[in-house]
Amino acid sequence: METCYSPQKSNVTSYGDTTLAIISLEVFAGMWINAFIICVLCIGWVKKRTLNSNEKILLLLGCSRFWYLGISWVYSFLLIIHAYHFCVPLVLESLAGIQSFFDCSNIWVSACLCVFYCIKIANFRNRFFIYLKVRIDRMVPWLLLGSVLLAFIFSILVYHISNETQCSSRNYSSQGYYLKHIIRLDEHLVPFFLFVGFVFFTSLTAVVFSALFLLFSLWRHKCKMQKNSINSLSMDAHIKAMKSILSFLIMYSINFFFLILTLIYARKKENHVAFFIFAFLYAFPGAHSLILIFSNPKLEKTLIRILSCLKGKVCMR
């Protein structure tokens, strides 16, 4: 293993310590939140011996985000702390590929969840939409399988690009993050950038259109309930659903924006910009999973029950 020396690598700066501390808080909070989703769904799976389509998507999404955050923390730790002393390209390349797999899986399964909610909840009289509503439960396993295969292809490409980067002081001297040490703006990388753009933009398009269609359907239904003087409970449920969808749309769009910034700043050394980008990217999986918990009655009741028990034990002490 070749040792990489540089004046900037002699010790870890306070900036690196602060960066790693904040990333660690975001990562472990997100891992706990997604671990809760996984545990609740798995316990229900064991009891009922089956999962509905919504639970299948949530389970795969929780697993993708849990492992994405865990791998991302290890990856960031090596780049911020360990890379100051040693070059371990094989380890970093493998972690980059694995991280890319779970990141792409997270992005596409999130899009599948939004599309599923749109088709299941929205009410349109279009024949094609009615056909999708009838067939969506059968389509969910294939959508999830397609998401995993696409993520696998994406991870292979990232690993291949990463494998071409040689260990040098220039590559490992800065406090790099995801894709920072593997992207080189050469002509043969243009197809890779196009594929990355396709993966991100297609998922964003699916989320935007699904969310807008669902918001329009819920808003129209809410107006009908107001005219017919329907009880406030149904109205509150629709408003809560609209707020949840709108918040997800905003967060997903911002997440897409920061992913694009990741590619733009892949070779630049503005550490404060890189920190700002990845501080949000690592916060998104936990924050959105928390929204999913409070928008799912089963998960919300379980969480409230656990918090009540913990509160009771604390008060007894």
C-alpha atoms as a PDB file:
ATOM      1  CA  MET A   1       0.000   0.000   0.000  1.00  0.00           C
ATOM      2  CA  GLU A   2       1.509   3.320  -1.061  1.00  0.00           C
ATOM      3  CA  THR A   3       1.737   6.099   1.499  1.00  0.00           C
ATOM      4  CA  CYS A   4       0.696   9.560   0.245  1.00  0.00           C
ATOM      5  CA  TYR A   5       2.445  12.507   1.870  1.00  0.00           C
ATOM      6  CA  SER A   6       1.416  16.121   1.569  1.00  0.00           C
ATOM      7  CA  PRO A   7       1.602  19.194   3.816  1.00  0.00           C
ATOM      8  CA  GLN A   8      -2.183  19.308   3.833  1.00  0.00           C
ATOM      9  CA  LYS A   9      -2.426  15.694   4.972  1.00  0.00           C
ATOM     10  CA  SER A  10      -0.168  15.817   8.024  1.00  0.00           C
ATOM     11  CA  ASN A  11      -3.154  16.011  10.368  1.00  0.00           C
ATOM     12  CA  VAL A  12      -6.908  16.322  10.259  1.00  0.00           C
ATOM     13  CA  THR A  13      -8.096  19.912  10.271  1.00  0.00           C
ATOM     14  CA  SER A  14     -10.835  21.281  12.483  1.00  0.00           C
ATOM     15  CA  TYR A  15     -12.930  21.679   9.352  1.00  0.00           C
ATOM     16  CA  GLY A  16     -12.708  17.946   8.738  1.00  0.00           C
ATOM     17  CA  ASP A  17     -13.659  17.208  12.343  1.00  0.00           C
ATOM     18  CA  THR A  18     -16.701  19.484  12.148  1.00  0.00           C
ATOM     19  CA  THR A  19     -17.737  18.018   8.796  1.00  0.00           C
ATOM     20  CA  LEU A  20     -17.482  14.452  10.037  1.00  0.00           C
ATOM     21  CA  ALA A  21     -19.343  15.269  13.262  1.00  0.00           C
ATOM     22  CA  ILE A  22     -22.320  16.830  11.461  1.00  0.00           C
ATOM     23  CA  ILE A  23     -22.413  14.062   8.840  1.00  0.00           C
ATOM     24  CA  SER A  24     -22.311  11.464  11.636  1.00  0.00           C
ATOM     25  CA  LEU A  25     -25.304  13.034  13.399  1.00  0.00           C
ATOM     26  CA  GLU A  26     -27.328  13.095  10.180  1.00  0.00           C
ATOM     27  CA  VAL A  27     -26.320   9.586   9.159  1.00  0.00           C
ATOM     28  CA  PHE A  28     -27.002   7.838  12.464  1.00  0.00           C
ATOM     29  CA  ALA A  29     -30.306   9.678  12.951  1.00  0.00           C
ATOM     30  CA  GLY A  30     -31.368   8.606   9.450  1.00  0.00           C
ATOM     31  CA  MET A  31     -30.245   5.027  10.066  1.00  0.00           C
ATOM     32  CA  TRP A  32     -32.311   4.810  13.278  1.00  0.00           C
ATOM     33  CA  ILE A  33     -35.387   6.191  11.498  1.00  0.00           C
ATOM     34  CA  ASN A  34     -35.101   3.754   8.601  1.00  0.00           C
ATOM     35  CA  ALA A  35     -34.250   0.867  10.936  1.00  0.00           C
ATOM     36  CA  PHE A  36     -37.545   1.584  12.736  1.00  0.00           C
ATOM     37  CA  ILE A  37     -39.445   1.337   9.423  1.00  0.00           C
ATOM     38  CA  ILE A  38     -37.683  -1.926   8.550  1.00  0.00           C
ATOM     39  CA  CYS A  39     -38.355  -3.493  11.961  1.00  0.00           C
ATOM     40  CA  VAL A  40     -42.047  -2.565  12.028  1.00  0.00           C
ATOM     41  CA  LEU A  41     -42.638  -3.878   8.501  1.00  0.00           C
ATOM     42  CA  CYS A  42     -40.662  -7.076   9.100  1.00  0.00           C
ATOM     43  CA  ILE A  43     -42.569  -7.799  12.332  1.00  0.00           C
ATOM     44  CA  GLY A  44     -45.839  -7.269  10.469  1.00  0.00           C
ATOM     45  CA  TRP A  45     -44.560  -9.496   7.665  1.00  0.00           C
ATOM     46  CA  VAL A  46     -43.812 -12.310  10.119  1.00  0.00           C
ATOM     47  CA  LYS A  47     -47.239 -11.980  11.763  1.00  0.00           C
ATOM     48  CA  LYS A  48     -49.319 -11.710   8.568  1.00  0.00           C
ATOM     49  CA  ARG A  49     -46.898 -13.719   6.371  1.00  0.00           C
ATOM     50  CA  THR A  50     -47.562 -11.241   3.601  1.00  0.00           C
ATOM     51  CA  LEU A  51     -46.898  -7.639   2.613  1.00  0.00           C
ATOM     52  CA  ASN A  52     -49.094  -5.359   0.566  1.00  0.00           C
ATOM     53  CA  SER A  53     -47.638  -3.339  -2.319  1.00  0.00           C
ATOM     54  CA  ASN A  54     -47.169  -0.194  -0.231  1.00  0.00           C
ATOM     55  CA  GLU A  55     -45.281  -2.113   2.461  1.00  0.00           C
ATOM     56  CA  LYS A  56     -43.037  -3.800  -0.122  1.00  0.00           C
ATOM     57  CA  ILE A  57     -41.970  -0.426  -1.480  1.00  0.00           C
ATOM     58  CA  LEU A  58     -41.450   1.044   1.997  1.00  0.00           C
ATOM     59  CA  LEU A  59     -39.410  -1.988   3.094  1.00  0.00           C
ATOM     60  CA  LEU A  60     -37.067  -1.817   0.095  1.00  0.00           C
ATOM     61  CA  LEU A  61     -36.818   1.955   0.467  1.00  0.00           C
ATOM     62  CA  GLY A  62     -35.956   1.652   4.161  1.00  0.00           C
ATOM     63  CA  CYS A  63     -33.290  -0.982   3.443  1.00  0.00           C
ATOM     64  CA  SER A  64     -31.771   1.090   0.618  1.00  0.00           C
ATOM     65  CA  ARG A  65     -31.581   4.206   2.768  1.00  0.00           C
ATOM     66  CA  PHE A  66     -30.242   2.376   5.811  1.00  0.00           C
ATOM     67  CA  TRP A  67     -27.341   0.844   3.893  1.00  0.00           C
ATOM     68  CA  TYR A  68     -26.778   3.986   1.816  1.00  0.00           C
ATOM     69  CA  LEU A  69     -26.313   6.056   4.963  1.00  0.00           C
ATOM     70  CA  GLY A  70     -24.089   3.442   6.606  1.00  0.00           C
ATOM     71  CA  ILE A  71     -21.813   3.056   3.566  1.00  0.00           C
ATOM     72  CA  SER A  72     -21.761   6.832   3.073  1.00  0.00           C
ATOM     73  CA  TRP A  73     -20.531   7.372   6.624  1.00  0.00           C
ATOM     74  CA  VAL A  74     -17.695   4.853   6.193  1.00  0.00           C
ATOM     75  CA  TYR A  75     -16.848   6.383   2.821  1.00  0.00           C
ATOM     76  CA  SER A  76     -16.773   9.921   4.238  1.00  0.00           C
ATOM     77  CA  PHE A  77     -14.737   8.779   7.237  1.00  0.00           C
ATOM     78  CA  LEU A  78     -12.050   7.262   5.015  1.00  0.00           C
ATOM     79  CA  LEU A  79     -11.900  10.292   2.736  1.00  0.00           C
ATOM     80  CA  ILE A  80     -11.855  12.873   5.526  1.00  0.00           C
ATOM     81  CA  ILE A  81      -9.742  11.058   8.121  1.00  0.00           C
ATOM     82  CA  HIS A  82      -7.945   8.043   6.681  1.00  0.00           C
ATOM     83  CA  ALA A  83      -7.027   9.463   3.271  1.00  0.00           C
ATOM     84  CA  TYR A  84      -4.732  11.965   4.929  1.00  0.00           C
ATOM     85  CA  HIS A  85      -2.316   9.116   5.731  1.00  0.00           C
ATOM     86  CA  PHE A  86      -2.883   6.274   3.300  1.00  0.00           C
ATOM     87  CA  CYS A  87      -4.133   5.711  -0.202  1.00  0.00           C
ATOM     88  CA  VAL A  88      -6.561   2.799  -0.262  1.00  0.00           C
ATOM     89  CA  PRO A  89      -7.996   2.988  -3.787  1.00  0.00           C
ATOM     90  CA  LEU A  90      -9.471  -0.516  -3.849  1.00  0.00           C
ATOM     91  CA  VAL A  91     -11.416   0.152  -0.649  1.00  0.00           C
ATOM     92  CA  LEU A  92     -12.628   3.563  -1.843  1.00  0.00           C
ATOM     93  CA  GLU A  93     -13.561   2.217  -5.275  1.00  0.00           C
ATOM     94  CA  SER A  94     -15.597  -0.613  -3.763  1.00  0.00           C
ATOM     95  CA  LEU A  95     -17.324   1.732  -1.332  1.00  0.00           C
ATOM     96  CA  ALA A  96     -18.066   4.177  -4.165  1.00  0.00           C
ATOM     97  CA  GLY A  97     -19.719   1.391  -6.180  1.00  0.00           C
ATOM     98  CA  ILE A  98     -21.740   0.079  -3.228  1.00  0.00           C
ATOM     99  CA  GLN A  99     -22.773   3.586  -2.192  1.00  0.00           C
ATOM    100  CA  SER A 100     -23.858   4.341  -5.767  1.00  0.00           C
ATOM    101  CA  PHE A 101     -25.989   1.188  -5.821  1.00  0.00           C
ATOM    102  CA  PHE A 102     -27.935   2.112  -2.697  1.00  0.00           C
ATOM    103  CA  ASP A 103     -28.122   5.790  -3.692  1.00  0.00           C
ATOM    104  CA  CYS A 104     -29.617   5.001  -7.103  1.00  0.00           C
ATOM    105  CA  SER A 105     -31.922   2.430  -5.511  1.00  0.00           C
ATOM    106  CA  ASN A 106     -33.061   5.039  -2.978  1.00  0.00           C
ATOM    107  CA  ILE A 107     -33.798   7.564  -5.736  1.00  0.00           C
ATOM    108  CA  TRP A 108     -35.765   5.172  -7.933  1.00  0.00           C
ATOM    109  CA  VAL A 109     -37.684   3.383  -5.172  1.00  0.00           C
ATOM    110  CA  SER A 110     -38.729   6.822  -3.873  1.00  0.00           C
ATOM    111  CA  ALA A 111     -40.006   7.601  -7.366  1.00  0.00           C
ATOM    112  CA  CYS A 112     -41.853   4.256  -7.451  1.00  0.00           C
ATOM    113  CA  LEU A 113     -43.509   5.083  -4.128  1.00  0.00           C
ATOM    114  CA  CYS A 114     -44.716   8.445  -5.427  1.00  0.00           C
ATOM    115  CA  VAL A 115     -46.040   6.863  -8.643  1.00  0.00           C
ATOM    116  CA  PHE A 116     -47.766   4.137  -6.622  1.00  0.00           C
ATOM    117  CA  TYR A 117     -49.494   6.681  -4.366  1.00  0.00           C
ATOM    118  CA  CYS A 118     -50.621   8.676  -7.394  1.00  0.00           C
ATOM    119  CA  ILE A 119     -52.160   5.682  -9.155  1.00  0.00           C
ATOM    120  CA  LYS A 120     -53.741   4.275  -5.998  1.00  0.00           C
ATOM    121  CA  ILE A 121     -55.161   7.490  -4.527  1.00  0.00           C
ATOM    122  CA  ALA A 122     -55.818   9.802  -7.481  1.00  0.00           C
ATOM    123  CA  ASN A 123     -59.202   9.565  -9.167  1.00  0.00           C
ATOM    124  CA  PHE A 124     -59.257  10.129 -12.936  1.00  0.00           C
ATOM    125  CA  ARG A 125     -61.617   8.692 -15.523  1.00  0.00           C
ATOM    126  CA  ASN A 126     -58.970   8.145 -18.173  1.00  0.00           C
ATOM    127  CA  ARG A 127     -58.980   4.545 -19.476  1.00  0.00           C
ATOM    128  CA  PHE A 128     -55.233   4.149 -19.257  1.00  0.00           C
ATOM    129  CA  PHE A 129     -55.225   5.458 -15.698  1.00  0.00           C
ATOM    130  CA  ILE A 130     -58.010   3.044 -14.707  1.00  0.00           C
ATOM    131  CA  TYR A 131     -56.020   0.211 -16.306  1.00  0.00           C
ATOM    132  CA  LEU A 132     -52.970   1.169 -14.240  1.00  0.00           C
ATOM    133  CA  LYS A 133     -55.052   1.384 -11.062  1.00  0.00           C
ATOM    134  CA  VAL A 134     -56.270  -2.187 -11.603  1.00  0.00           C
ATOM    135  CA  ARG A 135     -52.826  -3.565 -12.503  1.00  0.00           C
ATOM    136  CA  ILE A 136     -50.569  -1.544 -10.203  1.00  0.00           C
ATOM    137  CA  ASP A 137     -50.314  -4.209  -7.469  1.00  0.00           C
ATOM    138  CA  ARG A 138     -49.008  -6.718 -10.020  1.00  0.00           C
ATOM    139  CA  MET A 139     -46.633  -4.137 -11.465  1.00  0.00           C
ATOM    140  CA  VAL A 140     -44.989  -3.185  -8.158  1.00  0.00           C
ATOM    141  CA  PRO A 141     -42.588  -6.201  -7.968  1.00  0.00           C
ATOM    142  CA  TRP A 142     -41.434  -5.513 -11.538  1.00  0.00           C
ATOM    143  CA  LEU A 143     -40.957  -1.814 -10.802  1.00  0.00           C
ATOM    144  CA  LEU A 144     -38.840  -2.665  -7.771  1.00  0.00           C
ATOM    145  CA  LEU A 145     -36.848  -5.237  -9.734  1.00  0.00           C
ATOM    146  CA  GLY A 146     -36.223  -2.684 -12.478  1.00  0.00           C
ATOM    147  CA  SER A 147     -35.056  -0.148  -9.895  1.00  0.00           C
ATOM    148  CA  VAL A 148     -32.585  -2.638  -8.412  1.00  0.00           C
ATOM    149  CA  LEU A 149     -31.231  -3.637 -11.850  1.00  0.00           C
ATOM    150  CA  LEU A 150     -30.788   0.011 -12.849  1.00  0.00           C
ATOM    151  CA  ALA A 151     -28.988   0.687  -9.571  1.00  0.00           C
ATOM    152  CA  PHE A 152     -26.741  -2.320 -10.196  1.00  0.00           C
ATOM    153  CA  ILE A 153     -25.777  -1.033 -13.655  1.00  0.00           C
ATOM    154  CA  PHE A 154     -25.144   2.419 -12.200  1.00  0.00           C
ATOM    155  CA  SER A 155     -22.883   1.006  -9.469  1.00  0.00           C
ATOM    156  CA  ILE A 156     -20.846  -0.987 -12.019  1.00  0.00           C
ATOM    157  CA  LEU A 157     -20.256   2.156 -14.069  1.00  0.00           C
ATOM    158  CA  VAL A 158     -19.193   4.131 -10.982  1.00  0.00           C
ATOM    159  CA  TYR A 159     -16.811   1.355  -9.938  1.00  0.00           C
ATOM    160  CA  HIS A 160     -15.374   1.165 -13.459  1.00  0.00           C
ATOM    161  CA  ILE A 161     -14.765   4.918 -13.571  1.00  0.00           C
ATOM    162  CA  SER A 162     -13.333   4.820 -10.058  1.00  0.00           C
ATOM    163  CA  ASN A 163     -10.988   1.994 -10.975  1.00  0.00           C
ATOM    164  CA  GLU A 164      -9.389   4.135 -13.687  1.00  0.00           C
ATOM    165  CA  THR A 165      -8.296   6.805 -11.222  1.00  0.00           C
ATOM    166  CA  GLN A 166      -4.764   6.214  -9.954  1.00  0.00           C
ATOM    167  CA  CYS A 167      -3.689   6.856  -6.353  1.00  0.00           C
ATOM    168  CA  SER A 168      -1.895  10.198  -6.309  1.00  0.00           C
ATOM    169  CA  SER A 169      -1.505  13.116  -3.973  1.00  0.00           C
ATOM    170  CA  ARG A 170      -3.616  15.261  -6.236  1.00  0.00           C
ATOM    171  CA  ASN A 171      -6.522  12.856  -6.099  1.00  0.00           C
ATOM    172  CA  TYR A 172      -6.522  12.394  -2.317  1.00  0.00           C
ATOM    173  CA  SER A 173      -5.254  15.679  -0.943  1.00  0.00           C
ATOM    174  CA  SER A 174      -8.571  17.528  -0.807  1.00  0.00           C
ATOM    175  CA  GLN A 175     -11.484  16.667   1.447  1.00  0.00           C
ATOM    176  CA  GLY A 176     -13.430  14.884  -1.256  1.00  0.00           C
ATOM    177  CA  TYR A 177     -16.779  13.214  -1.072  1.00  0.00           C
ATOM    178  CA  TYR A 178     -19.055  11.156  -3.300  1.00  0.00           C
ATOM    179  CA  LEU A 179     -17.678  11.054  -6.906  1.00  0.00           C
ATOM    180  CA  LYS A 180     -15.104  13.725  -6.037  1.00  0.00           C
ATOM    181  CA  HIS A 181     -12.124  11.424  -6.448  1.00  0.00           C
ATOM    182  CA  ILE A 182     -13.439   9.341  -9.346  1.00  0.00           C
ATOM    183  CA  ILE A 183     -14.762  11.811 -11.931  1.00  0.00           C
ATOM    184  CA  ARG A 184     -12.387  13.100 -14.583  1.00  0.00           C
ATOM    185  CA  LEU A 185     -13.716  15.334 -17.305  1.00  0.00           C
ATOM    186  CA  ASP A 186     -12.366  13.273 -20.188  1.00  0.00           C
ATOM    187  CA  GLU A 187     -14.149  12.651 -23.455  1.00  0.00           C
ATOM    188  CA  HIS A 188     -14.743   8.971 -22.726  1.00  0.00           C
ATOM    189  CA  LEU A 189     -16.731   9.951 -19.590  1.00  0.00           C
ATOM    190  CA  VAL A 190     -19.425  11.781 -21.539  1.00  0.00           C
ATOM    191  CA  PRO A 191     -21.611   8.618 -21.800  1.00  0.00           C
ATOM    192  CA  PHE A 192     -21.325   8.192 -18.035  1.00  0.00           C
ATOM    193  CA  PHE A 193     -22.517  11.750 -17.406  1.00  0.00           C
ATOM    194  CA  LEU A 194     -25.384  11.244 -19.859  1.00  0.00           C
ATOM    195  CA  PHE A 195     -26.428   8.059 -18.081  1.00  0.00           C
ATOM    196  CA  VAL A 196     -26.270   9.748 -14.678  1.00  0.00           C
ATOM    197  CA  GLY A 197     -28.358  12.615 -16.042  1.00  0.00           C
ATOM    198  CA  PHE A 198     -30.877  10.161 -17.472  1.00  0.00           C
ATOM    199  CA  VAL A 199     -31.182   8.261 -14.176  1.00  0.00           C
ATOM    200  CA  PHE A 200     -31.673  11.393 -12.085  1.00  0.00           C
ATOM    201  CA  PHE A 201     -33.846  13.354 -14.514  1.00  0.00           C
ATOM    202  CA  THR A 202     -36.180  10.429 -15.334  1.00  0.00           C
ATOM    203  CA  SER A 203     -36.837   9.744 -11.672  1.00  0.00           C
ATOM    204  CA  LEU A 204     -37.414  13.463 -11.024  1.00  0.00           C
ATOM    205  CA  THR A 205     -39.871  13.649 -13.933  1.00  0.00           C
ATOM    206  CA  ALA A 206     -41.816  10.663 -12.599  1.00  0.00           C
ATOM    207  CA  VAL A 207     -41.974  12.193  -9.120  1.00  0.00           C
ATOM    208  CA  VAL A 208     -42.991  15.670 -10.325  1.00  0.00           C
ATOM    209  CA  PHE A 209     -45.799  14.484 -12.607  1.00  0.00           C
ATOM    210  CA  SER A 210     -47.094  11.917 -10.098  1.00  0.00           C
ATOM    211  CA  ALA A 211     -47.097  14.463  -7.271  1.00  0.00           C
ATOM    212  CA  LEU A 212     -48.787  17.148  -9.374  1.00  0.00           C
ATOM    213  CA  PHE A 213     -51.472  14.750 -10.612  1.00  0.00           C
ATOM    214  CA  LEU A 214     -52.106  13.519  -7.073  1.00  0.00           C
ATOM    215  CA  LEU A 215     -52.219  17.057  -5.650  1.00  0.00           C
ATOM    216  CA  PHE A 216     -54.689  18.100  -8.343  1.00  0.00           C
ATOM    217  CA  SER A 217     -56.897  15.061  -7.666  1.00  0.00           C
ATOM    218  CA  LEU A 218     -56.879  15.624  -3.900  1.00  0.00           C
ATOM    219  CA  TRP A 219     -57.525  19.354  -4.290  1.00  0.00           C
ATOM    220  CA  ARG A 220     -60.469  18.680  -6.625  1.00  0.00           C
ATOM    221  CA  HIS A 221     -61.885  16.095  -4.218  1.00  0.00           C
ATOM    222  CA  LYS A 222     -61.460  18.516  -1.307  1.00  0.00           C
ATOM    223  CA  CYS A 223     -63.436  21.169  -3.187  1.00  0.00           C
ATOM    224  CA  LYS A 224     -66.238  18.669  -3.792  1.00  0.00           C
ATOM    225  CA  MET A 225     -66.333  17.769  -0.087  1.00  0.00           C
ATOM    226  CA  GLN A 226     -66.538  21.460   0.831  1.00  0.00           C
ATOM    227  CA  LYS A 227     -69.514  21.938  -1.489  1.00  0.00           C
ATOM    228  CA  ASN A 228     -71.238  18.850  -0.081  1.00  0.00           C
ATOM    229  CA  SER A 229     -70.425  19.810   3.542  1.00  0.00           C
ATOM    230  CA  ILE A 230     -68.514  16.599   4.257  1.00  0.00           C
ATOM    231  CA  ASN A 231     -67.234  16.169   7.838  1.00  0.00           C
ATOM    232  CA  SER A 232     -64.007  17.887   8.788  1.00  0.00           C
ATOM    233  CA  LEU A 233     -62.171  14.616   9.524  1.00  0.00           C
ATOM    234  CA  SER A 234     -62.120  13.637   5.857  1.00  0.00           C
ATOM    235  CA  MET A 235     -61.146  17.170   4.957  1.00  0.00           C
ATOM    236  CA  ASP A 236     -58.265  17.135   7.437  1.00  0.00           C
ATOM    237  CA  ALA A 237     -57.067  13.779   6.085  1.00  0.00           C
ATOM    238  CA  HIS A 238     -56.964  15.155   2.540  1.00  0.00           C
ATOM    239  CA  ILE A 239     -55.177  18.322   3.629  1.00  0.00           C
ATOM    240  CA  LYS A 240     -52.636  16.233   5.555  1.00  0.00           C
ATOM    241  CA  ALA A 241     -52.056  14.058   2.488  1.00  0.00           C
ATOM    242  CA  MET A 242     -51.590  17.122   0.280  1.00  0.00           C
ATOM    243  CA  LYS A 243     -49.064  18.633   2.706  1.00  0.00           C
ATOM    244  CA  SER A 244     -47.143  15.356   2.838  1.00  0.00           C
ATOM    245  CA  ILE A 245     -46.994  15.066  -0.948  1.00  0.00           C
ATOM    246  CA  LEU A 246     -46.041  18.696  -1.403  1.00  0.00           C
ATOM    247  CA  SER A 247     -43.246  18.432   1.164  1.00  0.00           C
ATOM    248  CA  PHE A 248     -41.897  15.320  -0.565  1.00  0.00           C
ATOM    249  CA  LEU A 249     -42.014  17.066  -3.960  1.00  0.00           C
ATOM    250  CA  ILE A 250     -40.067  20.035  -2.597  1.00  0.00           C
ATOM    251  CA  MET A 251     -37.496  17.848  -0.825  1.00  0.00           C
ATOM    252  CA  TYR A 252     -37.034  15.561  -3.821  1.00  0.00           C
ATOM    253  CA  SER A 253     -36.550  18.530  -6.164  1.00  0.00           C
ATOM    254  CA  ILE A 254     -33.960  20.087  -3.836  1.00  0.00           C
ATOM    255  CA  ASN A 255     -32.245  16.709  -3.538  1.00  0.00           C
ATOM    256  CA  PHE A 256     -32.048  16.507  -7.351  1.00  0.00           C
ATOM    257  CA  PHE A 257     -30.567  20.009  -7.447  1.00  0.00           C
ATOM    258  CA  PHE A 258     -27.855  19.046  -4.961  1.00  0.00           C
ATOM    259  CA  LEU A 259     -27.098  15.850  -6.888  1.00  0.00           C
ATOM    260  CA  ILE A 260     -26.439  17.971  -9.968  1.00  0.00           C
ATOM    261  CA  LEU A 261     -24.207  20.246  -7.888  1.00  0.00           C
ATOM    262  CA  THR A 262     -22.298  17.124  -6.869  1.00  0.00           C
ATOM    263  CA  LEU A 263     -21.360  16.530 -10.495  1.00  0.00           C
ATOM    264  CA  ILE A 264     -20.538  20.200 -11.094  1.00  0.00           C
ATOM    265  CA  TYR A 265     -18.219  20.431  -8.075  1.00  0.00           C
ATOM    266  CA  ALA A 266     -16.733  16.968  -8.563  1.00  0.00           C
ATOM    267  CA  ARG A 267     -13.257  18.310  -9.387  1.00  0.00           C
ATOM    268  CA  LYS A 268     -13.342  21.608  -7.535  1.00  0.00           C
ATOM    269  CA  LYS A 269     -11.840  22.195  -4.106  1.00  0.00           C
ATOM    270  CA  GLU A 270     -14.427  24.480  -2.511  1.00  0.00           C
ATOM    271  CA  ASN A 271     -14.713  22.489   0.704  1.00  0.00           C
ATOM    272  CA  HIS A 272     -17.428  24.715   2.152  1.00  0.00           C
ATOM    273  CA  VAL A 273     -19.579  24.158  -0.947  1.00  0.00           C
ATOM    274  CA  ALA A 274     -18.986  20.405  -0.872  1.00  0.00           C
ATOM    275  CA  PHE A 275     -19.886  20.295   2.822  1.00  0.00           C
ATOM    276  CA  PHE A 276     -23.126  22.208   2.213  1.00  0.00           C
ATOM    277  CA  ILE A 277     -24.083  19.849  -0.624  1.00  0.00           C
ATOM    278  CA  PHE A 278     -23.467  16.635   1.281  1.00  0.00           C
ATOM    279  CA  ALA A 279     -24.933  17.935   4.510  1.00  0.00           C
ATOM    280  CA  PHE A 280     -28.278  18.035   2.697  1.00  0.00           C
ATOM    281  CA  LEU A 281     -27.792  14.807   0.717  1.00  0.00           C
ATOM    282  CA  TYR A 282     -27.197  12.834   3.911  1.00  0.00           C
ATOM    283  CA  ALA A 283     -30.110  14.548   5.695  1.00  0.00           C
ATOM    284  CA  PHE A 284     -32.672  13.817   2.966  1.00  0.00           C
ATOM    285  CA  PRO A 285     -33.125  10.025   3.522  1.00  0.00           C
ATOM    286  CA  GLY A 286     -33.829  10.453   7.242  1.00  0.00           C
ATOM    287  CA  ALA A 287     -36.038  13.527   6.873  1.00  0.00           C
ATOM    288  CA  HIS A 288     -38.218  12.005   4.144  1.00  0.00           C
ATOM    289  CA  SER A 289     -38.477   8.680   5.985  1.00  0.00           C
ATOM    290  CA  LEU A 290     -39.713  10.605   9.020  1.00  0.00           C
ATOM    291  CA  ILE A 291     -42.424  12.190   6.840  1.00  0.00           C
ATOM    292  CA  LEU A 292     -43.385   8.710   5.605  1.00  0.00           C
ATOM    293  CA  ILE A 293     -43.727   7.486   9.194  1.00  0.00           C
ATOM    294  CA  PHE A 294     -46.160  10.268  10.144  1.00  0.00           C
ATOM    295  CA  SER A 295     -48.140   9.810   6.918  1.00  0.00           C
ATOM    296  CA  ASN A 296     -48.551   6.062   7.511  1.00  0.00           C
ATOM    297  CA  PRO A 297     -51.093   5.231  10.269  1.00  0.00           C
ATOM    298  CA  LYS A 298     -49.467   1.908  11.176  1.00  0.00           C
ATOM    299  CA  LEU A 299     -45.954   3.341  11.488  1.00  0.00           C
ATOM    300  CA  GLU A 300     -47.203   6.466  13.274  1.00  0.00           C
ATOM    301  CA  LYS A 301     -49.179   4.504  15.876  1.00  0.00           C
ATOM    302  CA  THR A 302     -46.234   2.192  16.532  1.00  0.00           C
ATOM    303  CA  LEU A 303     -43.870   5.136  16.965  1.00  0.00           C
ATOM    304  CA  ILE A 304     -46.260   6.937  19.326  1.00  0.00           C
ATOM    305  CA  ARG A 305     -46.705   3.732  21.334  1.00  0.00           C
ATOM    306  CA  ILE A 306     -42.927   3.295  21.666  1.00  0.00           C
ATOM    307  CA  LEU A 307     -42.410   6.930  22.647  1.00  0.00           C
ATOM    308  CA  SER A 308     -45.219   6.678  25.216  1.00  0.00           C
ATOM    309  CA  CYS A 309     -43.624   3.588  26.776  1.00  0.00           C
ATOM    310  CA  LEU A 310     -40.219   5.272  26.905  1.00  0.00           C
ATOM    311  CA  LYS A 311     -41.762   8.391  28.432  1.00  0.00           C
ATOM    312  CA  GLY A 312     -43.565   6.281  31.046  1.00  0.00           C
ATOM    313  CA  LYS A 313     -40.343   4.497  32.020  1.00  0.00           C
ATOM    314  CA  VAL A 314     -38.491   7.794  32.318  1.00  0.00           C
ATOM    315  CA  CYS A 315     -41.247   9.281  34.497  1.00  0.00           C
ATOM    316  CA  MET A 316     -41.247   6.171  36.751  1.00  0.00           C
ATOM    317  CA  ARG A 317     -37.541   6.700  37.423  1.00  0.00           C
END
